[in-house]
Amino acid sequence: MVENMLLSSSPIGGVFFAFHESNVAGKLIVCLLFVGSIFVWSIMVTKFHQLRYARLLSRRFLMAFRKEAHPVSLFLKREKYPESPLYKVYEHGSVAIGGELDPQGANPDELFMGGVSASLQKLTPIQLEAVRNATERTVADEALLLENNMGILATAVTASPLLGLLGTVWGVMEAFGAMAVAGSATLSAVAPGIAGALLTTVVGLLVALPSAIGYNLLMNRIRELHVMMDNFAQEFISETQRNFLRDT
């Protein structure tokens, strides 16, 4: 009894006391939520680092792209920004341009060397549309990659409180059932079981709250990168049209 009073005299001690008084289902749920919390935090930290690096390199790439006079200059110079989703859109678009020029007998590497006639450096509207489709597909693919593992965070936000509530209801049900069997209705008889039952709700909320905040912050960054990709794809197609579209 004295040991239980000492355990419950501090916040940390109260947590251990409640865990000690939990039923088997409650302890399993708390352990499950604890493991899930570690997994969720690892996803959030990794995702924050990935998106921060992607945004930084995307801005650097965009500045470098706008300094060039020709839309495929960076591609021909072999300058790479592999962690930038904007660069991947640019890379696939440049490859698509090369693929459309190659059947005409033009080597894309010779665009600035004067060895290709002007007529072979031009695209028809149908070919330009093929380049546009390539960039749009890449934007969609990169958006899916950016949202990778976000479904796990969304699941943690919604499932953790419900799982905690399940443990609480189960624990309270067992506590009142034991009280009915024992025929005792004193507070000292039912309080430990109630405390153990409520612990699962507390742990569930402690998992859900950081997950919800992290999910919203990450989704804002993903939306920002998605808008940047859409805007860049339009800018790239406009520059391609200005430099490559054949006059009809």
C-alpha atoms as a PDB file:
ATOM      1  CA  MET A   1       0.000   0.000   0.000  1.00  0.00           C
ATOM      2  CA  VAL A   2       2.820   2.344   1.007  1.00  0.00           C
ATOM      3  CA  GLU A   3       4.656   1.430  -2.193  1.00  0.00           C
ATOM      4  CA  ASN A   4       1.582   2.304  -4.289  1.00  0.00           C
ATOM      5  CA  MET A   5       1.266   5.657  -2.493  1.00  0.00           C
ATOM      6  CA  LEU A   6       4.925   6.445  -3.212  1.00  0.00           C
ATOM      7  CA  LEU A   7       4.522   5.469  -6.836  1.00  0.00           C
ATOM      8  CA  SER A   8       1.506   7.716  -7.319  1.00  0.00           C
ATOM      9  CA  SER A   9       2.989  10.728  -5.487  1.00  0.00           C
ATOM     10  CA  SER A  10       4.748  12.098  -8.613  1.00  0.00           C
ATOM     11  CA  PRO A  11       3.630  12.412 -12.262  1.00  0.00           C
ATOM     12  CA  ILE A  12       6.102   9.782 -13.461  1.00  0.00           C
ATOM     13  CA  GLY A  13       5.329   7.584 -10.489  1.00  0.00           C
ATOM     14  CA  GLY A  14       1.627   8.000 -11.211  1.00  0.00           C
ATOM     15  CA  VAL A  15       2.158   6.769 -14.756  1.00  0.00           C
ATOM     16  CA  PHE A  16       4.004   3.671 -13.551  1.00  0.00           C
ATOM     17  CA  PHE A  17       1.365   3.092 -10.901  1.00  0.00           C
ATOM     18  CA  ALA A  18      -1.422   3.342 -13.490  1.00  0.00           C
ATOM     19  CA  PHE A  19       0.479   1.007 -15.831  1.00  0.00           C
ATOM     20  CA  HIS A  20       0.998  -1.460 -12.987  1.00  0.00           C
ATOM     21  CA  GLU A  21      -2.722  -1.422 -12.214  1.00  0.00           C
ATOM     22  CA  SER A  22      -3.792  -1.810 -15.867  1.00  0.00           C
ATOM     23  CA  ASN A  23      -5.224  -5.066 -17.111  1.00  0.00           C
ATOM     24  CA  VAL A  24      -3.454  -7.161 -19.742  1.00  0.00           C
ATOM     25  CA  ALA A  25      -5.328  -5.512 -22.611  1.00  0.00           C
ATOM     26  CA  GLY A  26      -4.455  -2.044 -21.292  1.00  0.00           C
ATOM     27  CA  LYS A  27      -0.760  -2.897 -20.994  1.00  0.00           C
ATOM     28  CA  LEU A  28      -0.722  -4.320 -24.517  1.00  0.00           C
ATOM     29  CA  ILE A  29      -2.383  -1.188 -25.901  1.00  0.00           C
ATOM     30  CA  VAL A  30       0.072   1.097 -24.072  1.00  0.00           C
ATOM     31  CA  CYS A  31       3.040  -0.910 -25.407  1.00  0.00           C
ATOM     32  CA  LEU A  32       1.557  -0.831 -28.901  1.00  0.00           C
ATOM     33  CA  LEU A  33       1.063   2.930 -28.713  1.00  0.00           C
ATOM     34  CA  PHE A  34       4.611   3.403 -27.405  1.00  0.00           C
ATOM     35  CA  VAL A  35       6.108   1.439 -30.298  1.00  0.00           C
ATOM     36  CA  GLY A  36       3.833   3.275 -32.734  1.00  0.00           C
ATOM     37  CA  SER A  37       4.963   6.610 -31.293  1.00  0.00           C
ATOM     38  CA  ILE A  38       8.626   5.762 -31.966  1.00  0.00           C
ATOM     39  CA  PHE A  39       7.753   4.770 -35.537  1.00  0.00           C
ATOM     40  CA  VAL A  40       5.711   7.934 -36.107  1.00  0.00           C
ATOM     41  CA  TRP A  41       8.456  10.194 -34.757  1.00  0.00           C
ATOM     42  CA  SER A  42      11.040   8.528 -36.984  1.00  0.00           C
ATOM     43  CA  ILE A  43       8.809   9.170 -40.013  1.00  0.00           C
ATOM     44  CA  MET A  44       8.230  12.806 -39.058  1.00  0.00           C
ATOM     45  CA  VAL A  45      11.914  13.571 -38.456  1.00  0.00           C
ATOM     46  CA  THR A  46      12.965  11.864 -41.692  1.00  0.00           C
ATOM     47  CA  LYS A  47      10.216  13.583 -43.664  1.00  0.00           C
ATOM     48  CA  PHE A  48      11.027  17.037 -42.268  1.00  0.00           C
ATOM     49  CA  HIS A  49      14.670  16.577 -43.268  1.00  0.00           C
ATOM     50  CA  GLN A  50      13.720  15.311 -46.738  1.00  0.00           C
ATOM     51  CA  LEU A  51      11.299  18.176 -47.441  1.00  0.00           C
ATOM     52  CA  ARG A  52      13.649  20.827 -46.072  1.00  0.00           C
ATOM     53  CA  TYR A  53      16.444  19.584 -48.339  1.00  0.00           C
ATOM     54  CA  ALA A  54      14.081  19.274 -51.311  1.00  0.00           C
ATOM     55  CA  ARG A  55      12.826  22.859 -50.869  1.00  0.00           C
ATOM     56  CA  LEU A  56      16.363  24.227 -50.489  1.00  0.00           C
ATOM     57  CA  LEU A  57      17.671  22.493 -53.610  1.00  0.00           C
ATOM     58  CA  SER A  58      14.534  23.377 -55.575  1.00  0.00           C
ATOM     59  CA  ARG A  59      15.095  27.057 -54.910  1.00  0.00           C
ATOM     60  CA  ARG A  60      18.740  26.747 -55.930  1.00  0.00           C
ATOM     61  CA  PHE A  61      17.776  24.917 -59.097  1.00  0.00           C
ATOM     62  CA  LEU A  62      15.103  27.474 -59.955  1.00  0.00           C
ATOM     63  CA  MET A  63      17.600  30.317 -59.594  1.00  0.00           C
ATOM     64  CA  ALA A  64      20.116  28.490 -61.802  1.00  0.00           C
ATOM     65  CA  PHE A  65      17.456  27.688 -64.410  1.00  0.00           C
ATOM     66  CA  ARG A  66      16.295  31.290 -64.683  1.00  0.00           C
ATOM     67  CA  LYS A  67      19.852  32.522 -65.185  1.00  0.00           C
ATOM     68  CA  GLU A  68      20.217  30.456 -68.363  1.00  0.00           C
ATOM     69  CA  ALA A  69      19.169  31.803 -71.751  1.00  0.00           C
ATOM     70  CA  HIS A  70      18.000  28.438 -73.079  1.00  0.00           C
ATOM     71  CA  PRO A  71      15.603  26.017 -71.322  1.00  0.00           C
ATOM     72  CA  VAL A  72      17.857  22.948 -71.711  1.00  0.00           C
ATOM     73  CA  SER A  73      21.170  24.616 -70.862  1.00  0.00           C
ATOM     74  CA  LEU A  74      21.476  23.060 -67.402  1.00  0.00           C
ATOM     75  CA  PHE A  75      20.627  19.649 -68.784  1.00  0.00           C
ATOM     76  CA  LEU A  76      23.328  19.875 -71.460  1.00  0.00           C
ATOM     77  CA  LYS A  77      25.834  21.130 -68.893  1.00  0.00           C
ATOM     78  CA  ARG A  78      25.096  18.024 -66.782  1.00  0.00           C
ATOM     79  CA  GLU A  79      24.266  20.110 -63.712  1.00  0.00           C
ATOM     80  CA  LYS A  80      22.227  17.979 -61.333  1.00  0.00           C
ATOM     81  CA  TYR A  81      20.025  18.632 -58.306  1.00  0.00           C
ATOM     82  CA  PRO A  82      18.927  15.054 -57.566  1.00  0.00           C
ATOM     83  CA  GLU A  83      17.035  15.833 -54.343  1.00  0.00           C
ATOM     84  CA  SER A  84      14.911  18.518 -56.002  1.00  0.00           C
ATOM     85  CA  PRO A  85      11.525  17.446 -57.382  1.00  0.00           C
ATOM     86  CA  LEU A  86      11.628  20.472 -59.704  1.00  0.00           C
ATOM     87  CA  TYR A  87      14.869  19.226 -61.232  1.00  0.00           C
ATOM     88  CA  LYS A  88      13.289  15.814 -61.877  1.00  0.00           C
ATOM     89  CA  VAL A  89      10.440  17.523 -63.735  1.00  0.00           C
ATOM     90  CA  TYR A  90      13.032  19.491 -65.701  1.00  0.00           C
ATOM     91  CA  GLU A  91      15.132  16.390 -66.404  1.00  0.00           C
ATOM     92  CA  HIS A  92      12.195  14.377 -67.757  1.00  0.00           C
ATOM     93  CA  GLY A  93      11.058  17.352 -69.813  1.00  0.00           C
ATOM     94  CA  SER A  94      14.537  17.799 -71.312  1.00  0.00           C
ATOM     95  CA  VAL A  95      14.770  14.087 -72.088  1.00  0.00           C
ATOM     96  CA  ALA A  96      11.371  14.326 -73.778  1.00  0.00           C
ATOM     97  CA  ILE A  97      12.624  17.217 -75.917  1.00  0.00           C
ATOM     98  CA  GLY A  98      15.664  15.177 -76.903  1.00  0.00           C
ATOM     99  CA  GLY A  99      13.465  12.223 -77.721  1.00  0.00           C
ATOM    100  CA  GLU A 100      11.334  14.351 -80.016  1.00  0.00           C
ATOM    101  CA  LEU A 101      14.367  15.914 -81.724  1.00  0.00           C
ATOM    102  CA  ASP A 102      16.310  12.690 -82.179  1.00  0.00           C
ATOM    103  CA  PRO A 103      14.020  11.129 -84.855  1.00  0.00           C
ATOM    104  CA  GLN A 104      14.506  14.301 -86.884  1.00  0.00           C
ATOM    105  CA  GLY A 105      18.257  13.692 -86.970  1.00  0.00           C
ATOM    106  CA  ALA A 106      19.134  16.307 -84.384  1.00  0.00           C
ATOM    107  CA  ASN A 107      21.576  15.555 -81.602  1.00  0.00           C
ATOM    108  CA  PRO A 108      20.396  17.472 -78.530  1.00  0.00           C
ATOM    109  CA  ASP A 109      24.028  17.810 -77.354  1.00  0.00           C
ATOM    110  CA  GLU A 110      24.761  19.935 -80.443  1.00  0.00           C
ATOM    111  CA  LEU A 111      22.040  22.504 -79.915  1.00  0.00           C
ATOM    112  CA  PHE A 112      24.525  25.227 -79.001  1.00  0.00           C
ATOM    113  CA  MET A 113      27.383  24.130 -81.247  1.00  0.00           C
ATOM    114  CA  GLY A 114      26.044  25.360 -84.551  1.00  0.00           C
ATOM    115  CA  GLY A 115      26.064  21.909 -86.101  1.00  0.00           C
ATOM    116  CA  VAL A 116      22.321  21.477 -86.322  1.00  0.00           C
ATOM    117  CA  SER A 117      20.171  23.353 -88.770  1.00  0.00           C
ATOM    118  CA  ALA A 118      17.454  25.562 -87.358  1.00  0.00           C
ATOM    119  CA  SER A 119      14.719  23.406 -88.882  1.00  0.00           C
ATOM    120  CA  LEU A 120      15.916  20.357 -86.974  1.00  0.00           C
ATOM    121  CA  GLN A 121      15.813  22.237 -83.678  1.00  0.00           C
ATOM    122  CA  LYS A 122      12.067  22.869 -83.856  1.00  0.00           C
ATOM    123  CA  LEU A 123       9.120  20.947 -82.488  1.00  0.00           C
ATOM    124  CA  THR A 124       5.648  20.636 -83.890  1.00  0.00           C
ATOM    125  CA  PRO A 125       2.647  21.419 -81.649  1.00  0.00           C
ATOM    126  CA  ILE A 126       2.025  17.673 -81.284  1.00  0.00           C
ATOM    127  CA  GLN A 127       5.608  17.119 -80.147  1.00  0.00           C
ATOM    128  CA  LEU A 128       5.357  20.026 -77.735  1.00  0.00           C
ATOM    129  CA  GLU A 129       2.233  18.429 -76.281  1.00  0.00           C
ATOM    130  CA  ALA A 130       4.220  15.213 -75.764  1.00  0.00           C
ATOM    131  CA  VAL A 131       6.814  17.179 -73.796  1.00  0.00           C
ATOM    132  CA  ARG A 132       4.026  18.790 -71.753  1.00  0.00           C
ATOM    133  CA  ASN A 133       2.572  15.364 -70.959  1.00  0.00           C
ATOM    134  CA  ALA A 134       5.988  14.125 -69.823  1.00  0.00           C
ATOM    135  CA  THR A 135       6.363  17.010 -67.377  1.00  0.00           C
ATOM    136  CA  GLU A 136       2.824  16.612 -66.054  1.00  0.00           C
ATOM    137  CA  ARG A 137       3.348  12.887 -65.463  1.00  0.00           C
ATOM    138  CA  THR A 138       6.549  13.639 -63.585  1.00  0.00           C
ATOM    139  CA  VAL A 139       4.778  16.241 -61.433  1.00  0.00           C
ATOM    140  CA  ALA A 140       2.164  13.634 -60.492  1.00  0.00           C
ATOM    141  CA  ASP A 141       4.804  10.978 -59.776  1.00  0.00           C
ATOM    142  CA  GLU A 142       6.871  13.337 -57.637  1.00  0.00           C
ATOM    143  CA  ALA A 143       3.777  14.431 -55.710  1.00  0.00           C
ATOM    144  CA  LEU A 144       3.112  10.791 -54.823  1.00  0.00           C
ATOM    145  CA  LEU A 145       6.723  10.342 -53.698  1.00  0.00           C
ATOM    146  CA  LEU A 146       6.514  13.448 -51.511  1.00  0.00           C
ATOM    147  CA  GLU A 147       3.354  12.091 -49.866  1.00  0.00           C
ATOM    148  CA  ASN A 148       4.969   8.722 -49.168  1.00  0.00           C
ATOM    149  CA  ASN A 149       4.349   7.563 -45.546  1.00  0.00           C
ATOM    150  CA  MET A 150       1.947  10.448 -44.916  1.00  0.00           C
ATOM    151  CA  GLY A 151      -0.888   7.940 -44.771  1.00  0.00           C
ATOM    152  CA  ILE A 152       0.795   6.351 -41.734  1.00  0.00           C
ATOM    153  CA  LEU A 153       0.783   9.702 -39.938  1.00  0.00           C
ATOM    154  CA  ALA A 154      -2.871  10.247 -40.827  1.00  0.00           C
ATOM    155  CA  THR A 155      -3.675   6.788 -39.479  1.00  0.00           C
ATOM    156  CA  ALA A 156      -1.803   7.529 -36.245  1.00  0.00           C
ATOM    157  CA  VAL A 157      -3.759  10.769 -35.795  1.00  0.00           C
ATOM    158  CA  THR A 158      -7.129   9.036 -36.080  1.00  0.00           C
ATOM    159  CA  ALA A 159      -6.371   5.580 -34.656  1.00  0.00           C
ATOM    160  CA  SER A 160      -4.326   6.462 -31.550  1.00  0.00           C
ATOM    161  CA  PRO A 161      -7.123   8.201 -29.579  1.00  0.00           C
ATOM    162  CA  LEU A 162      -9.597   5.510 -30.542  1.00  0.00           C
ATOM    163  CA  LEU A 163      -7.192   2.776 -29.481  1.00  0.00           C
ATOM    164  CA  GLY A 164      -6.645   4.588 -26.193  1.00  0.00           C
ATOM    165  CA  LEU A 165     -10.391   4.948 -25.713  1.00  0.00           C
ATOM    166  CA  LEU A 166     -10.823   1.240 -26.341  1.00  0.00           C
ATOM    167  CA  GLY A 167      -8.333   0.454 -23.590  1.00  0.00           C
ATOM    168  CA  THR A 168     -10.064   2.844 -21.210  1.00  0.00           C
ATOM    169  CA  VAL A 169     -13.539   1.446 -21.799  1.00  0.00           C
ATOM    170  CA  TRP A 170     -12.235  -2.093 -21.483  1.00  0.00           C
ATOM    171  CA  GLY A 171     -10.403  -1.269 -18.236  1.00  0.00           C
ATOM    172  CA  VAL A 172     -13.370   0.538 -16.700  1.00  0.00           C
ATOM    173  CA  MET A 173     -15.620  -2.364 -17.630  1.00  0.00           C
ATOM    174  CA  GLU A 174     -13.311  -4.824 -15.900  1.00  0.00           C
ATOM    175  CA  ALA A 175     -12.925  -2.554 -12.865  1.00  0.00           C
ATOM    176  CA  PHE A 176     -16.679  -2.304 -12.336  1.00  0.00           C
ATOM    177  CA  GLY A 177     -17.068  -5.997 -13.008  1.00  0.00           C
ATOM    178  CA  ALA A 178     -14.483  -6.822 -10.332  1.00  0.00           C
ATOM    179  CA  MET A 179     -16.211  -4.397  -7.960  1.00  0.00           C
ATOM    180  CA  ALA A 180     -19.537  -6.146  -8.515  1.00  0.00           C
ATOM    181  CA  VAL A 181     -17.996  -9.569  -7.883  1.00  0.00           C
ATOM    182  CA  ALA A 182     -16.263  -8.391  -4.712  1.00  0.00           C
ATOM    183  CA  GLY A 183     -19.393  -6.597  -3.511  1.00  0.00           C
ATOM    184  CA  SER A 184     -17.330  -3.550  -2.528  1.00  0.00           C
ATOM    185  CA  ALA A 185     -18.127  -0.065  -3.784  1.00  0.00           C
ATOM    186  CA  THR A 186     -15.373   1.857  -1.991  1.00  0.00           C
ATOM    187  CA  LEU A 187     -13.227   4.344  -3.873  1.00  0.00           C
ATOM    188  CA  SER A 188     -10.044   2.573  -2.836  1.00  0.00           C
ATOM    189  CA  ALA A 189     -11.301  -0.613  -4.469  1.00  0.00           C
ATOM    190  CA  VAL A 190     -12.169   0.872  -7.855  1.00  0.00           C
ATOM    191  CA  ALA A 191      -9.667   3.755  -8.156  1.00  0.00           C
ATOM    192  CA  PRO A 192      -6.560   1.724  -9.148  1.00  0.00           C
ATOM    193  CA  GLY A 193      -8.410  -0.023 -11.948  1.00  0.00           C
ATOM    194  CA  ILE A 194      -9.872   3.262 -13.208  1.00  0.00           C
ATOM    195  CA  ALA A 195      -6.431   4.898 -13.131  1.00  0.00           C
ATOM    196  CA  GLY A 196      -4.980   2.037 -15.149  1.00  0.00           C
ATOM    197  CA  ALA A 197      -7.827   2.258 -17.627  1.00  0.00           C
ATOM    198  CA  LEU A 198      -7.451   6.010 -18.138  1.00  0.00           C
ATOM    199  CA  LEU A 199      -3.740   5.629 -18.874  1.00  0.00           C
ATOM    200  CA  THR A 200      -4.456   4.256 -22.345  1.00  0.00           C
ATOM    201  CA  THR A 201      -6.429   7.388 -23.278  1.00  0.00           C
ATOM    202  CA  VAL A 202      -3.600   9.615 -22.046  1.00  0.00           C
ATOM    203  CA  VAL A 203      -1.005   7.671 -24.035  1.00  0.00           C
ATOM    204  CA  GLY A 204      -3.249   7.656 -27.095  1.00  0.00           C
ATOM    205  CA  LEU A 205      -3.562  11.443 -26.961  1.00  0.00           C
ATOM    206  CA  LEU A 206       0.197  11.830 -26.443  1.00  0.00           C
ATOM    207  CA  VAL A 207       0.724   9.900 -29.674  1.00  0.00           C
ATOM    208  CA  ALA A 208      -2.062  11.610 -31.622  1.00  0.00           C
ATOM    209  CA  LEU A 209      -1.268  15.261 -30.790  1.00  0.00           C
ATOM    210  CA  PRO A 210       2.328  15.362 -32.116  1.00  0.00           C
ATOM    211  CA  SER A 211       1.236  13.272 -35.095  1.00  0.00           C
ATOM    212  CA  ALA A 212      -1.526  15.750 -35.943  1.00  0.00           C
ATOM    213  CA  ILE A 213       0.798  18.761 -35.644  1.00  0.00           C
ATOM    214  CA  GLY A 214       3.535  17.043 -37.660  1.00  0.00           C
ATOM    215  CA  TYR A 215       1.071  15.891 -40.308  1.00  0.00           C
ATOM    216  CA  ASN A 216      -0.305  19.396 -40.851  1.00  0.00           C
ATOM    217  CA  LEU A 217       3.166  20.976 -41.012  1.00  0.00           C
ATOM    218  CA  LEU A 218       4.420  18.336 -43.434  1.00  0.00           C
ATOM    219  CA  MET A 219       1.363  18.586 -45.663  1.00  0.00           C
ATOM    220  CA  ASN A 220       1.832  22.361 -45.876  1.00  0.00           C
ATOM    221  CA  ARG A 221       5.400  21.840 -47.097  1.00  0.00           C
ATOM    222  CA  ILE A 222       4.303  19.171 -49.547  1.00  0.00           C
ATOM    223  CA  ARG A 223       1.602  21.473 -50.942  1.00  0.00           C
ATOM    224  CA  GLU A 224       4.198  24.225 -51.304  1.00  0.00           C
ATOM    225  CA  LEU A 225       6.497  21.925 -53.290  1.00  0.00           C
ATOM    226  CA  HIS A 226       3.567  20.713 -55.381  1.00  0.00           C
ATOM    227  CA  VAL A 227       2.664  24.295 -56.303  1.00  0.00           C
ATOM    228  CA  MET A 228       6.313  24.981 -57.109  1.00  0.00           C
ATOM    229  CA  MET A 229       6.371  21.944 -59.418  1.00  0.00           C
ATOM    230  CA  ASP A 230       3.172  22.989 -61.184  1.00  0.00           C
ATOM    231  CA  ASN A 231       4.421  26.533 -61.681  1.00  0.00           C
ATOM    232  CA  PHE A 232       7.808  25.361 -62.897  1.00  0.00           C
ATOM    233  CA  ALA A 233       6.252  22.876 -65.337  1.00  0.00           C
ATOM    234  CA  GLN A 234       4.241  25.718 -66.889  1.00  0.00           C
ATOM    235  CA  GLU A 235       7.325  27.950 -66.990  1.00  0.00           C
ATOM    236  CA  PHE A 236       9.407  25.213 -68.613  1.00  0.00           C
ATOM    237  CA  ILE A 237       6.777  24.513 -71.269  1.00  0.00           C
ATOM    238  CA  SER A 238       6.486  28.237 -72.001  1.00  0.00           C
ATOM    239  CA  GLU A 239      10.250  28.512 -72.474  1.00  0.00           C
ATOM    240  CA  THR A 240      10.260  25.360 -74.594  1.00  0.00           C
ATOM    241  CA  GLN A 241       7.472  26.741 -76.755  1.00  0.00           C
ATOM    242  CA  ARG A 242       9.326  30.026 -77.200  1.00  0.00           C
ATOM    243  CA  ASN A 243      12.608  28.337 -78.179  1.00  0.00           C
ATOM    244  CA  PHE A 244      11.531  25.164 -79.953  1.00  0.00           C
ATOM    245  CA  LEU A 245       8.043  25.523 -81.382  1.00  0.00           C
ATOM    246  CA  ARG A 246       8.072  25.425 -85.175  1.00  0.00           C
ATOM    247  CA  ASP A 247       6.312  28.283 -86.893  1.00  0.00           C
ATOM    248  CA  THR A 248       3.309  27.092 -88.862  1.00  0.00           C
END
